[in-house]
N, C-alpha and C. Protein backbone atom coordinates (compact mmCIF):
# COMPACT_ATOMS: atom_id res chain seq x y z
N MET A 1 10.83 0.42 1.93
CA MET A 1 9.45 0.27 1.51
C MET A 1 8.58 1.20 2.35
N THR A 2 7.81 2.04 1.69
CA THR A 2 6.90 2.95 2.38
C THR A 2 5.47 2.43 2.24
N SER A 3 4.80 2.35 3.36
CA SER A 3 3.39 1.95 3.37
C SER A 3 2.54 3.20 3.52
N ARG A 4 1.43 3.20 2.84
CA ARG A 4 0.48 4.31 2.95
C ARG A 4 -0.89 3.73 3.22
N VAL A 5 -1.54 4.25 4.24
CA VAL A 5 -2.88 3.81 4.59
C VAL A 5 -3.76 5.05 4.66
N THR A 6 -4.79 5.07 3.83
CA THR A 6 -5.76 6.17 3.86
C THR A 6 -7.04 5.63 4.46
N LEU A 7 -7.39 6.16 5.62
CA LEU A 7 -8.59 5.75 6.35
C LEU A 7 -9.72 6.72 6.01
N VAL A 8 -10.79 6.21 5.42
CA VAL A 8 -11.92 7.03 5.01
C VAL A 8 -13.09 6.73 5.94
N SER A 9 -13.61 7.77 6.57
CA SER A 9 -14.77 7.58 7.45
C SER A 9 -16.05 7.54 6.61
N PRO A 10 -17.08 6.85 7.11
CA PRO A 10 -18.30 6.70 6.32
C PRO A 10 -19.05 8.01 6.15
N ALA A 11 -19.85 8.05 5.11
CA ALA A 11 -20.72 9.20 4.87
C ALA A 11 -21.79 9.28 5.96
N MET A 12 -22.48 10.40 5.99
CA MET A 12 -23.49 10.66 7.02
C MET A 12 -24.59 9.60 6.98
N SER A 13 -24.99 9.19 8.19
CA SER A 13 -26.09 8.23 8.36
C SER A 13 -26.98 8.75 9.49
N PRO A 14 -28.18 8.21 9.63
CA PRO A 14 -29.05 8.67 10.72
C PRO A 14 -28.40 8.53 12.10
N SER A 15 -27.67 7.45 12.35
CA SER A 15 -27.05 7.29 13.67
C SER A 15 -25.99 8.35 13.91
N LEU A 16 -25.21 8.71 12.90
CA LEU A 16 -24.23 9.78 13.06
C LEU A 16 -24.93 11.11 13.32
N ARG A 17 -25.99 11.38 12.58
CA ARG A 17 -26.73 12.63 12.71
C ARG A 17 -27.35 12.78 14.10
N GLN A 18 -27.78 11.67 14.68
CA GLN A 18 -28.48 11.68 15.97
C GLN A 18 -27.58 11.37 17.16
N ALA A 19 -26.27 11.26 16.95
CA ALA A 19 -25.32 10.88 18.01
C ALA A 19 -25.80 9.61 18.71
N ARG A 20 -26.15 8.63 17.86
CA ARG A 20 -26.66 7.35 18.35
C ARG A 20 -25.62 6.27 18.09
N PHE A 21 -25.46 5.36 19.05
CA PHE A 21 -24.52 4.25 18.83
C PHE A 21 -24.98 3.46 17.61
N TYR A 22 -24.04 3.19 16.73
CA TYR A 22 -24.36 2.57 15.44
C TYR A 22 -25.11 1.25 15.61
N ASP A 23 -26.17 1.12 14.83
CA ASP A 23 -27.00 -0.09 14.91
C ASP A 23 -27.22 -0.72 13.54
N GLY A 24 -26.37 -0.39 12.59
CA GLY A 24 -26.46 -1.02 11.28
C GLY A 24 -27.21 -0.21 10.24
N ASP A 25 -27.59 1.02 10.54
CA ASP A 25 -28.36 1.80 9.57
C ASP A 25 -27.51 2.18 8.36
N PRO A 26 -28.16 2.42 7.22
CA PRO A 26 -27.45 2.78 6.00
C PRO A 26 -27.10 4.27 6.00
N ILE A 27 -26.26 4.67 5.05
CA ILE A 27 -26.01 6.10 4.89
C ILE A 27 -27.30 6.75 4.39
N ASP A 28 -27.47 8.04 4.68
CA ASP A 28 -28.69 8.71 4.23
C ASP A 28 -28.49 9.28 2.83
N ASP A 29 -29.55 9.84 2.26
CA ASP A 29 -29.49 10.33 0.88
C ASP A 29 -28.45 11.44 0.72
N THR A 30 -28.36 12.32 1.70
CA THR A 30 -27.38 13.40 1.63
C THR A 30 -25.97 12.83 1.68
N GLY A 31 -25.74 11.89 2.59
CA GLY A 31 -24.43 11.25 2.68
C GLY A 31 -24.05 10.54 1.40
N ALA A 32 -25.01 9.84 0.81
CA ALA A 32 -24.74 9.13 -0.44
C ALA A 32 -24.41 10.10 -1.57
N ALA A 33 -25.14 11.22 -1.63
CA ALA A 33 -24.88 12.22 -2.67
C ALA A 33 -23.49 12.83 -2.50
N HIS A 34 -23.10 13.14 -1.26
CA HIS A 34 -21.76 13.69 -1.03
C HIS A 34 -20.68 12.68 -1.41
N ALA A 35 -20.90 11.41 -1.07
CA ALA A 35 -19.91 10.39 -1.42
C ALA A 35 -19.82 10.23 -2.94
N ARG A 36 -20.95 10.21 -3.63
CA ARG A 36 -20.92 10.09 -5.09
C ARG A 36 -20.18 11.27 -5.72
N SER A 37 -20.38 12.47 -5.16
CA SER A 37 -19.71 13.65 -5.73
C SER A 37 -18.20 13.61 -5.48
N ALA A 38 -17.78 12.87 -4.45
CA ALA A 38 -16.35 12.77 -4.13
C ALA A 38 -15.67 11.60 -4.83
N ALA A 39 -16.43 10.81 -5.59
CA ALA A 39 -15.82 9.69 -6.31
C ALA A 39 -14.70 10.21 -7.18
N GLY A 40 -13.58 9.52 -7.15
CA GLY A 40 -12.42 9.92 -7.93
C GLY A 40 -11.48 10.86 -7.18
N SER A 41 -11.82 11.25 -5.96
CA SER A 41 -10.97 12.18 -5.21
C SER A 41 -9.87 11.49 -4.42
N LEU A 42 -9.94 10.18 -4.32
CA LEU A 42 -8.92 9.43 -3.58
C LEU A 42 -7.82 8.95 -4.51
N PRO A 43 -6.60 8.85 -4.02
CA PRO A 43 -5.52 8.37 -4.87
C PRO A 43 -5.70 6.89 -5.19
N PRO A 44 -5.12 6.42 -6.28
CA PRO A 44 -5.19 5.00 -6.61
C PRO A 44 -4.54 4.18 -5.49
N ALA A 45 -5.07 2.98 -5.30
CA ALA A 45 -4.57 2.12 -4.21
C ALA A 45 -4.32 0.71 -4.71
N ALA A 46 -3.39 0.04 -4.04
CA ALA A 46 -3.10 -1.36 -4.34
C ALA A 46 -4.21 -2.26 -3.81
N ARG A 47 -4.88 -1.80 -2.75
CA ARG A 47 -5.94 -2.61 -2.13
C ARG A 47 -6.94 -1.69 -1.43
N THR A 48 -8.17 -2.17 -1.35
CA THR A 48 -9.22 -1.45 -0.62
C THR A 48 -9.87 -2.43 0.33
N VAL A 49 -9.99 -2.01 1.59
CA VAL A 49 -10.61 -2.85 2.62
C VAL A 49 -11.70 -2.04 3.31
N LEU A 50 -12.64 -2.78 3.94
CA LEU A 50 -13.80 -2.13 4.55
C LEU A 50 -14.10 -2.68 5.92
N SER A 51 -14.62 -1.82 6.79
CA SER A 51 -15.25 -2.30 8.03
C SER A 51 -16.48 -3.08 7.63
N PRO A 52 -16.87 -4.09 8.41
CA PRO A 52 -18.05 -4.90 8.06
C PRO A 52 -19.36 -4.23 8.51
N SER A 53 -19.68 -3.08 7.92
CA SER A 53 -20.92 -2.39 8.26
C SER A 53 -21.59 -1.91 6.98
N ALA A 54 -22.90 -1.74 7.06
CA ALA A 54 -23.65 -1.28 5.89
C ALA A 54 -23.16 0.09 5.45
N ARG A 55 -22.95 1.00 6.41
CA ARG A 55 -22.59 2.36 6.00
C ARG A 55 -21.20 2.43 5.38
N CYS A 56 -20.27 1.57 5.78
CA CYS A 56 -18.95 1.56 5.14
C CYS A 56 -19.04 0.96 3.74
N ALA A 57 -19.80 -0.11 3.60
CA ALA A 57 -19.97 -0.72 2.27
C ALA A 57 -20.66 0.25 1.31
N GLN A 58 -21.68 0.95 1.80
CA GLN A 58 -22.40 1.89 0.94
C GLN A 58 -21.55 3.11 0.61
N THR A 59 -20.76 3.57 1.56
CA THR A 59 -19.86 4.70 1.29
C THR A 59 -18.84 4.30 0.22
N ALA A 60 -18.25 3.12 0.37
CA ALA A 60 -17.28 2.66 -0.62
C ALA A 60 -17.93 2.56 -2.00
N ALA A 61 -19.11 1.99 -2.07
CA ALA A 61 -19.79 1.87 -3.37
C ALA A 61 -20.07 3.24 -3.98
N ALA A 62 -20.52 4.18 -3.16
CA ALA A 62 -20.81 5.53 -3.67
C ALA A 62 -19.53 6.23 -4.14
N LEU A 63 -18.41 5.90 -3.52
CA LEU A 63 -17.12 6.47 -3.94
C LEU A 63 -16.54 5.74 -5.16
N GLY A 64 -17.20 4.68 -5.59
CA GLY A 64 -16.73 3.90 -6.73
C GLY A 64 -15.63 2.92 -6.37
N LEU A 65 -15.58 2.52 -5.10
CA LEU A 65 -14.54 1.60 -4.63
C LEU A 65 -15.11 0.20 -4.45
N ASP A 66 -14.33 -0.79 -4.80
CA ASP A 66 -14.70 -2.18 -4.59
C ASP A 66 -13.71 -2.74 -3.58
N GLY A 67 -14.17 -3.03 -2.37
CA GLY A 67 -13.26 -3.45 -1.32
C GLY A 67 -13.60 -4.79 -0.73
N VAL A 68 -12.67 -5.30 0.06
CA VAL A 68 -12.82 -6.56 0.77
C VAL A 68 -13.15 -6.25 2.22
N VAL A 69 -14.19 -6.88 2.74
CA VAL A 69 -14.57 -6.69 4.14
C VAL A 69 -13.55 -7.38 5.03
N ARG A 70 -13.07 -6.67 6.03
CA ARG A 70 -12.11 -7.21 6.99
C ARG A 70 -12.75 -7.13 8.39
N PRO A 71 -13.12 -8.25 8.98
CA PRO A 71 -13.78 -8.25 10.29
C PRO A 71 -13.00 -7.52 11.37
N GLU A 72 -11.66 -7.55 11.31
CA GLU A 72 -10.85 -6.89 12.33
C GLU A 72 -10.95 -5.37 12.28
N LEU A 73 -11.57 -4.84 11.23
CA LEU A 73 -11.74 -3.39 11.09
C LEU A 73 -13.12 -2.92 11.56
N ALA A 74 -13.83 -3.77 12.24
CA ALA A 74 -15.16 -3.39 12.76
C ALA A 74 -15.04 -2.23 13.73
N GLY A 75 -16.12 -1.49 13.86
CA GLY A 75 -16.18 -0.41 14.85
C GLY A 75 -16.25 -0.99 16.26
N LEU A 76 -16.25 -0.12 17.23
CA LEU A 76 -16.31 -0.50 18.63
C LEU A 76 -17.65 -1.15 18.95
N ASP A 77 -17.63 -2.36 19.50
CA ASP A 77 -18.84 -3.07 19.90
C ASP A 77 -19.29 -2.50 21.25
N VAL A 78 -20.45 -1.82 21.26
CA VAL A 78 -20.94 -1.19 22.49
C VAL A 78 -22.03 -2.02 23.16
N GLY A 79 -22.13 -3.27 22.79
CA GLY A 79 -23.04 -4.18 23.48
C GLY A 79 -24.47 -3.69 23.55
N ARG A 80 -25.03 -3.65 24.75
CA ARG A 80 -26.45 -3.32 24.93
C ARG A 80 -26.78 -1.86 24.62
N TRP A 81 -25.78 -1.02 24.42
CA TRP A 81 -26.04 0.38 24.09
C TRP A 81 -26.32 0.60 22.61
N ARG A 82 -26.13 -0.41 21.81
CA ARG A 82 -26.33 -0.28 20.37
C ARG A 82 -27.72 0.29 20.07
N GLY A 83 -27.76 1.29 19.19
CA GLY A 83 -29.02 1.89 18.76
C GLY A 83 -29.54 2.99 19.66
N ARG A 84 -28.93 3.19 20.82
CA ARG A 84 -29.37 4.23 21.75
C ARG A 84 -28.49 5.46 21.61
N THR A 85 -29.02 6.63 21.96
CA THR A 85 -28.21 7.84 21.94
C THR A 85 -27.37 7.90 23.21
N LEU A 86 -26.30 8.66 23.14
CA LEU A 86 -25.46 8.84 24.32
C LEU A 86 -26.26 9.51 25.44
N ASP A 87 -27.15 10.44 25.08
CA ASP A 87 -27.99 11.09 26.10
C ASP A 87 -28.90 10.08 26.79
N GLU A 88 -29.48 9.16 26.03
CA GLU A 88 -30.35 8.14 26.63
C GLU A 88 -29.56 7.25 27.58
N VAL A 89 -28.40 6.81 27.14
CA VAL A 89 -27.58 5.94 27.99
C VAL A 89 -27.10 6.70 29.21
N GLY A 90 -26.71 7.98 29.01
CA GLY A 90 -26.25 8.79 30.13
C GLY A 90 -27.32 9.01 31.17
N ALA A 91 -28.57 9.15 30.74
CA ALA A 91 -29.67 9.33 31.69
C ALA A 91 -29.96 8.04 32.45
N ALA A 92 -29.86 6.91 31.77
CA ALA A 92 -30.18 5.62 32.39
C ALA A 92 -29.00 5.06 33.19
N GLU A 93 -27.79 5.29 32.72
CA GLU A 93 -26.60 4.70 33.35
C GLU A 93 -25.47 5.73 33.45
N PRO A 94 -25.67 6.80 34.21
CA PRO A 94 -24.64 7.85 34.24
C PRO A 94 -23.28 7.38 34.72
N GLU A 95 -23.25 6.51 35.73
CA GLU A 95 -21.97 6.03 36.24
C GLU A 95 -21.25 5.17 35.18
N ALA A 96 -22.03 4.39 34.46
CA ALA A 96 -21.44 3.53 33.43
C ALA A 96 -20.83 4.38 32.31
N VAL A 97 -21.52 5.43 31.88
CA VAL A 97 -20.98 6.29 30.82
C VAL A 97 -19.70 6.97 31.30
N THR A 98 -19.71 7.46 32.53
CA THR A 98 -18.50 8.09 33.07
C THR A 98 -17.35 7.10 33.08
N ARG A 99 -17.61 5.91 33.50
CA ARG A 99 -16.56 4.88 33.55
C ARG A 99 -16.06 4.56 32.15
N TRP A 100 -16.97 4.43 31.20
CA TRP A 100 -16.62 4.12 29.81
C TRP A 100 -15.73 5.20 29.22
N LEU A 101 -16.03 6.46 29.52
CA LEU A 101 -15.27 7.57 28.96
C LEU A 101 -13.94 7.83 29.67
N THR A 102 -13.73 7.23 30.81
CA THR A 102 -12.50 7.49 31.58
C THR A 102 -11.62 6.27 31.78
N ASP A 103 -12.17 5.08 31.62
CA ASP A 103 -11.40 3.85 31.85
C ASP A 103 -11.35 3.04 30.56
N PRO A 104 -10.21 3.07 29.83
CA PRO A 104 -10.12 2.38 28.54
C PRO A 104 -10.33 0.87 28.62
N ASP A 105 -10.20 0.29 29.81
CA ASP A 105 -10.38 -1.16 29.96
C ASP A 105 -11.81 -1.56 30.28
N TRP A 106 -12.70 -0.59 30.51
CA TRP A 106 -14.07 -0.89 30.94
C TRP A 106 -14.91 -1.35 29.74
N ALA A 107 -15.65 -2.44 29.94
CA ALA A 107 -16.56 -2.96 28.91
C ALA A 107 -17.85 -3.45 29.56
N GLY A 108 -18.32 -2.71 30.55
CA GLY A 108 -19.52 -3.11 31.28
C GLY A 108 -20.81 -3.06 30.48
N HIS A 109 -20.76 -2.53 29.27
CA HIS A 109 -21.95 -2.51 28.42
C HIS A 109 -22.15 -3.85 27.72
N GLY A 110 -21.20 -4.76 27.91
CA GLY A 110 -21.32 -6.08 27.29
C GLY A 110 -20.65 -6.20 25.94
N GLY A 111 -19.97 -5.17 25.52
CA GLY A 111 -19.26 -5.21 24.25
C GLY A 111 -17.76 -5.29 24.47
N GLU A 112 -17.03 -4.42 23.77
CA GLU A 112 -15.58 -4.44 23.89
C GLU A 112 -15.11 -3.11 24.47
N SER A 113 -13.96 -3.14 25.10
CA SER A 113 -13.39 -1.93 25.69
C SER A 113 -12.67 -1.11 24.62
N VAL A 114 -12.44 0.15 24.93
CA VAL A 114 -11.66 1.01 24.04
C VAL A 114 -10.25 0.43 23.88
N GLN A 115 -9.68 -0.09 24.95
CA GLN A 115 -8.36 -0.72 24.88
C GLN A 115 -8.37 -1.87 23.87
N GLN A 116 -9.41 -2.68 23.90
CA GLN A 116 -9.49 -3.82 22.98
C GLN A 116 -9.59 -3.38 21.54
N VAL A 117 -10.40 -2.35 21.25
CA VAL A 117 -10.51 -1.90 19.85
C VAL A 117 -9.19 -1.29 19.40
N CYS A 118 -8.50 -0.57 20.28
CA CYS A 118 -7.19 0.01 19.90
C CYS A 118 -6.17 -1.09 19.63
N GLU A 119 -6.18 -2.14 20.42
CA GLU A 119 -5.26 -3.25 20.18
C GLU A 119 -5.58 -3.98 18.88
N ARG A 120 -6.87 -4.21 18.62
CA ARG A 120 -7.28 -4.92 17.41
C ARG A 120 -6.89 -4.13 16.15
N ILE A 121 -7.20 -2.85 16.14
CA ILE A 121 -6.85 -2.02 14.99
C ILE A 121 -5.33 -1.86 14.90
N GLY A 122 -4.66 -1.79 16.04
CA GLY A 122 -3.20 -1.68 16.06
C GLY A 122 -2.53 -2.88 15.43
N ARG A 123 -3.05 -4.07 15.70
CA ARG A 123 -2.48 -5.28 15.07
C ARG A 123 -2.62 -5.21 13.55
N TRP A 124 -3.78 -4.76 13.08
CA TRP A 124 -3.98 -4.63 11.64
C TRP A 124 -3.02 -3.60 11.05
N LEU A 125 -2.88 -2.45 11.73
CA LEU A 125 -2.00 -1.41 11.23
C LEU A 125 -0.55 -1.87 11.21
N ASP A 126 -0.13 -2.62 12.22
CA ASP A 126 1.24 -3.17 12.23
C ASP A 126 1.46 -4.07 11.02
N ALA A 127 0.47 -4.88 10.68
CA ALA A 127 0.59 -5.74 9.50
C ALA A 127 0.68 -4.91 8.23
N MET A 128 -0.03 -3.78 8.17
CA MET A 128 0.02 -2.92 6.99
C MET A 128 1.36 -2.24 6.83
N SER A 129 2.11 -2.08 7.92
CA SER A 129 3.40 -1.39 7.83
C SER A 129 4.42 -2.20 7.03
N ASP A 130 4.14 -3.47 6.84
CA ASP A 130 5.02 -4.32 6.05
C ASP A 130 4.48 -4.54 4.63
N THR A 131 3.50 -3.75 4.24
CA THR A 131 2.86 -3.88 2.94
C THR A 131 3.20 -2.69 2.08
N ASP A 132 3.73 -2.95 0.90
CA ASP A 132 4.11 -1.88 0.00
C ASP A 132 2.87 -1.32 -0.69
N GLY A 133 2.91 -0.05 -1.02
CA GLY A 133 1.82 0.58 -1.75
C GLY A 133 0.75 1.14 -0.83
N ARG A 134 -0.29 1.67 -1.43
CA ARG A 134 -1.36 2.35 -0.70
C ARG A 134 -2.51 1.39 -0.42
N THR A 135 -3.03 1.48 0.80
CA THR A 135 -4.24 0.79 1.19
C THR A 135 -5.31 1.83 1.48
N LEU A 136 -6.46 1.70 0.83
CA LEU A 136 -7.62 2.52 1.17
C LEU A 136 -8.48 1.68 2.10
N ALA A 137 -8.90 2.28 3.21
CA ALA A 137 -9.72 1.57 4.18
C ALA A 137 -10.92 2.43 4.54
N VAL A 138 -12.10 2.00 4.13
CA VAL A 138 -13.33 2.71 4.51
C VAL A 138 -13.79 2.07 5.81
N VAL A 139 -13.62 2.82 6.90
CA VAL A 139 -13.78 2.23 8.22
C VAL A 139 -14.59 3.14 9.14
N GLU A 140 -15.10 2.53 10.20
CA GLU A 140 -15.87 3.25 11.20
C GLU A 140 -15.01 4.32 11.89
N PRO A 141 -15.63 5.40 12.36
CA PRO A 141 -14.87 6.46 13.03
C PRO A 141 -14.01 5.94 14.18
N GLU A 142 -14.50 4.95 14.92
CA GLU A 142 -13.70 4.42 16.04
C GLU A 142 -12.44 3.73 15.54
N ALA A 143 -12.51 3.13 14.36
CA ALA A 143 -11.32 2.48 13.79
C ALA A 143 -10.29 3.54 13.40
N VAL A 144 -10.75 4.69 12.91
CA VAL A 144 -9.83 5.78 12.59
C VAL A 144 -9.16 6.26 13.88
N ARG A 145 -9.96 6.49 14.91
CA ARG A 145 -9.40 6.94 16.19
C ARG A 145 -8.35 5.95 16.71
N ALA A 146 -8.71 4.68 16.70
CA ALA A 146 -7.81 3.64 17.22
C ALA A 146 -6.52 3.58 16.41
N ALA A 147 -6.62 3.74 15.09
CA ALA A 147 -5.42 3.71 14.25
C ALA A 147 -4.50 4.89 14.58
N VAL A 148 -5.07 6.06 14.79
CA VAL A 148 -4.27 7.24 15.12
C VAL A 148 -3.62 7.06 16.48
N VAL A 149 -4.37 6.57 17.46
CA VAL A 149 -3.81 6.32 18.79
C VAL A 149 -2.62 5.37 18.67
N HIS A 150 -2.77 4.30 17.91
CA HIS A 150 -1.69 3.32 17.77
C HIS A 150 -0.52 3.90 16.98
N ALA A 151 -0.81 4.54 15.86
CA ALA A 151 0.26 5.04 14.99
C ALA A 151 1.16 6.04 15.69
N LEU A 152 0.56 6.88 16.54
CA LEU A 152 1.34 7.91 17.21
C LEU A 152 1.74 7.52 18.63
N ALA A 153 1.45 6.27 19.01
CA ALA A 153 1.78 5.77 20.35
C ALA A 153 1.21 6.69 21.42
N LEU A 154 -0.03 7.14 21.21
CA LEU A 154 -0.72 7.99 22.18
C LEU A 154 -1.26 7.14 23.32
N PRO A 155 -1.49 7.74 24.47
CA PRO A 155 -2.17 6.97 25.51
C PRO A 155 -3.59 6.66 25.03
N VAL A 156 -4.10 5.51 25.41
CA VAL A 156 -5.43 5.09 24.95
C VAL A 156 -6.50 6.10 25.38
N THR A 157 -6.26 6.81 26.46
CA THR A 157 -7.23 7.83 26.89
C THR A 157 -7.41 8.94 25.86
N ALA A 158 -6.48 9.08 24.91
CA ALA A 158 -6.61 10.09 23.85
C ALA A 158 -7.69 9.71 22.84
N PHE A 159 -8.13 8.47 22.84
CA PHE A 159 -9.15 7.99 21.90
C PHE A 159 -10.35 8.93 21.85
N TRP A 160 -10.84 9.36 22.99
CA TRP A 160 -12.04 10.20 23.06
C TRP A 160 -11.77 11.65 22.71
N ARG A 161 -10.51 12.01 22.54
CA ARG A 161 -10.17 13.40 22.22
C ARG A 161 -9.99 13.60 20.72
N LEU A 162 -10.21 12.56 19.94
CA LEU A 162 -10.07 12.62 18.48
C LEU A 162 -11.45 12.62 17.84
N ASP A 163 -11.78 13.68 17.14
CA ASP A 163 -13.05 13.74 16.41
C ASP A 163 -12.81 13.34 14.96
N VAL A 164 -13.70 12.52 14.45
CA VAL A 164 -13.59 12.05 13.06
C VAL A 164 -14.87 12.45 12.35
N ALA A 165 -14.78 13.41 11.47
CA ALA A 165 -15.94 13.89 10.72
C ALA A 165 -16.32 12.88 9.64
N PRO A 166 -17.60 12.85 9.26
CA PRO A 166 -18.02 11.96 8.18
C PRO A 166 -17.32 12.30 6.86
N LEU A 167 -17.05 11.28 6.11
CA LEU A 167 -16.49 11.39 4.76
C LEU A 167 -15.21 12.24 4.72
N THR A 168 -14.27 11.87 5.60
CA THR A 168 -12.96 12.51 5.59
C THR A 168 -11.90 11.42 5.46
N ALA A 169 -10.74 11.84 5.00
CA ALA A 169 -9.61 10.91 4.84
C ALA A 169 -8.52 11.27 5.85
N THR A 170 -8.07 10.26 6.56
CA THR A 170 -6.94 10.39 7.48
C THR A 170 -5.83 9.53 6.90
N GLU A 171 -4.69 10.14 6.65
CA GLU A 171 -3.63 9.44 5.94
C GLU A 171 -2.44 9.15 6.85
N LEU A 172 -2.01 7.90 6.83
CA LEU A 172 -0.83 7.45 7.56
C LEU A 172 0.18 6.97 6.54
N SER A 173 1.43 7.36 6.72
CA SER A 173 2.48 6.84 5.85
C SER A 173 3.70 6.56 6.71
N GLY A 174 4.42 5.55 6.34
CA GLY A 174 5.61 5.24 7.12
C GLY A 174 6.25 3.94 6.71
N ARG A 175 7.23 3.58 7.52
CA ARG A 175 7.93 2.32 7.33
C ARG A 175 8.42 1.84 8.69
N SER A 176 8.62 0.57 8.80
CA SER A 176 9.10 -0.06 10.03
C SER A 176 8.26 0.34 11.24
N ARG A 177 6.97 0.39 11.06
CA ARG A 177 6.02 0.71 12.14
C ARG A 177 6.21 2.10 12.74
N ARG A 178 6.79 2.99 11.98
CA ARG A 178 6.91 4.39 12.39
C ARG A 178 6.06 5.18 11.41
N TRP A 179 4.99 5.77 11.91
CA TRP A 179 3.98 6.38 11.05
C TRP A 179 4.01 7.91 11.16
N ASN A 180 3.67 8.55 10.04
CA ASN A 180 3.40 9.98 10.00
C ASN A 180 1.91 10.13 9.72
N LEU A 181 1.34 11.24 10.16
CA LEU A 181 -0.11 11.43 10.10
C LEU A 181 -0.48 12.69 9.34
N ARG A 182 -1.47 12.55 8.48
CA ARG A 182 -2.16 13.68 7.87
C ARG A 182 -3.64 13.43 8.15
N ILE A 183 -4.26 14.28 8.93
CA ILE A 183 -5.57 13.96 9.49
C ILE A 183 -6.70 14.78 8.89
N GLY A 184 -7.82 14.09 8.64
CA GLY A 184 -9.09 14.73 8.37
C GLY A 184 -9.28 15.52 7.10
N ARG A 185 -8.69 15.10 6.00
CA ARG A 185 -8.92 15.80 4.73
C ARG A 185 -10.33 15.49 4.24
N PRO A 186 -11.16 16.52 4.02
CA PRO A 186 -12.50 16.24 3.51
C PRO A 186 -12.43 15.72 2.08
N LEU A 187 -13.31 14.80 1.77
CA LEU A 187 -13.38 14.29 0.41
C LEU A 187 -14.31 15.20 -0.37
N THR A 188 -13.81 15.72 -1.46
CA THR A 188 -14.60 16.62 -2.28
C THR A 188 -14.52 16.15 -3.72
N ALA A 189 -15.42 16.67 -4.52
CA ALA A 189 -15.43 16.31 -5.93
C ALA A 189 -14.11 16.67 -6.56
N PRO A 190 -13.57 15.80 -7.41
CA PRO A 190 -12.31 16.13 -8.07
C PRO A 190 -12.49 17.34 -8.98
N ALA A 191 -11.43 18.11 -9.11
CA ALA A 191 -11.46 19.29 -9.96
C ALA A 191 -11.62 18.87 -11.42
N THR A 192 -12.40 19.63 -12.14
CA THR A 192 -12.55 19.36 -13.57
C THR A 192 -11.65 20.33 -14.33
N PRO A 193 -11.07 19.87 -15.42
CA PRO A 193 -10.20 20.74 -16.19
C PRO A 193 -10.98 21.94 -16.72
N ALA A 194 -10.31 23.08 -16.76
CA ALA A 194 -10.94 24.30 -17.28
C ALA A 194 -11.10 24.19 -18.80
N ALA A 195 -12.21 24.69 -19.28
CA ALA A 195 -12.47 24.69 -20.72
C ALA A 195 -11.63 25.79 -21.38
N ASP A 196 -11.12 25.49 -22.55
CA ASP A 196 -10.32 26.51 -23.27
C ASP A 196 -11.20 27.44 -24.03
């Protein structure tokens, strides 16, 4: 039995544009238009699941997907940093930012550590390895990073070395918890047949 998991990152939102820790904002008009134009570009799936965020729900809707919200697919909880830019936090708490970026177990912002998000997403991915067919998952960029770290058995410190562009598909396929990776395919409008 081969399992396939396609992880789709959300369309552009103000927080992504401003390098701000996600605070629940919706996708912007440009992001919504790009997602609508990419509707139909994803392969058919046995199931569709979503991170519990506005931008993931809106991205899925714009792509024409109807999914089930899965709380375990939430993005990284950054506690008191929510809604602030990395520059703002770095200016106010430079030692804390350094620690956060170098120590996967650190959660001094009051949220969850990178280690914890990798473990949470890893448990979900392990469960998917025993599921036949394709799963589409519209998830936060941190969930994509965590899934890749887990799937490839990378050190958790690699989490910060993985960039996830908006509205891209990262594909995992495998069996018996051994995954192969196809990373970062942009979602584009499906090709239309040529007129005769």
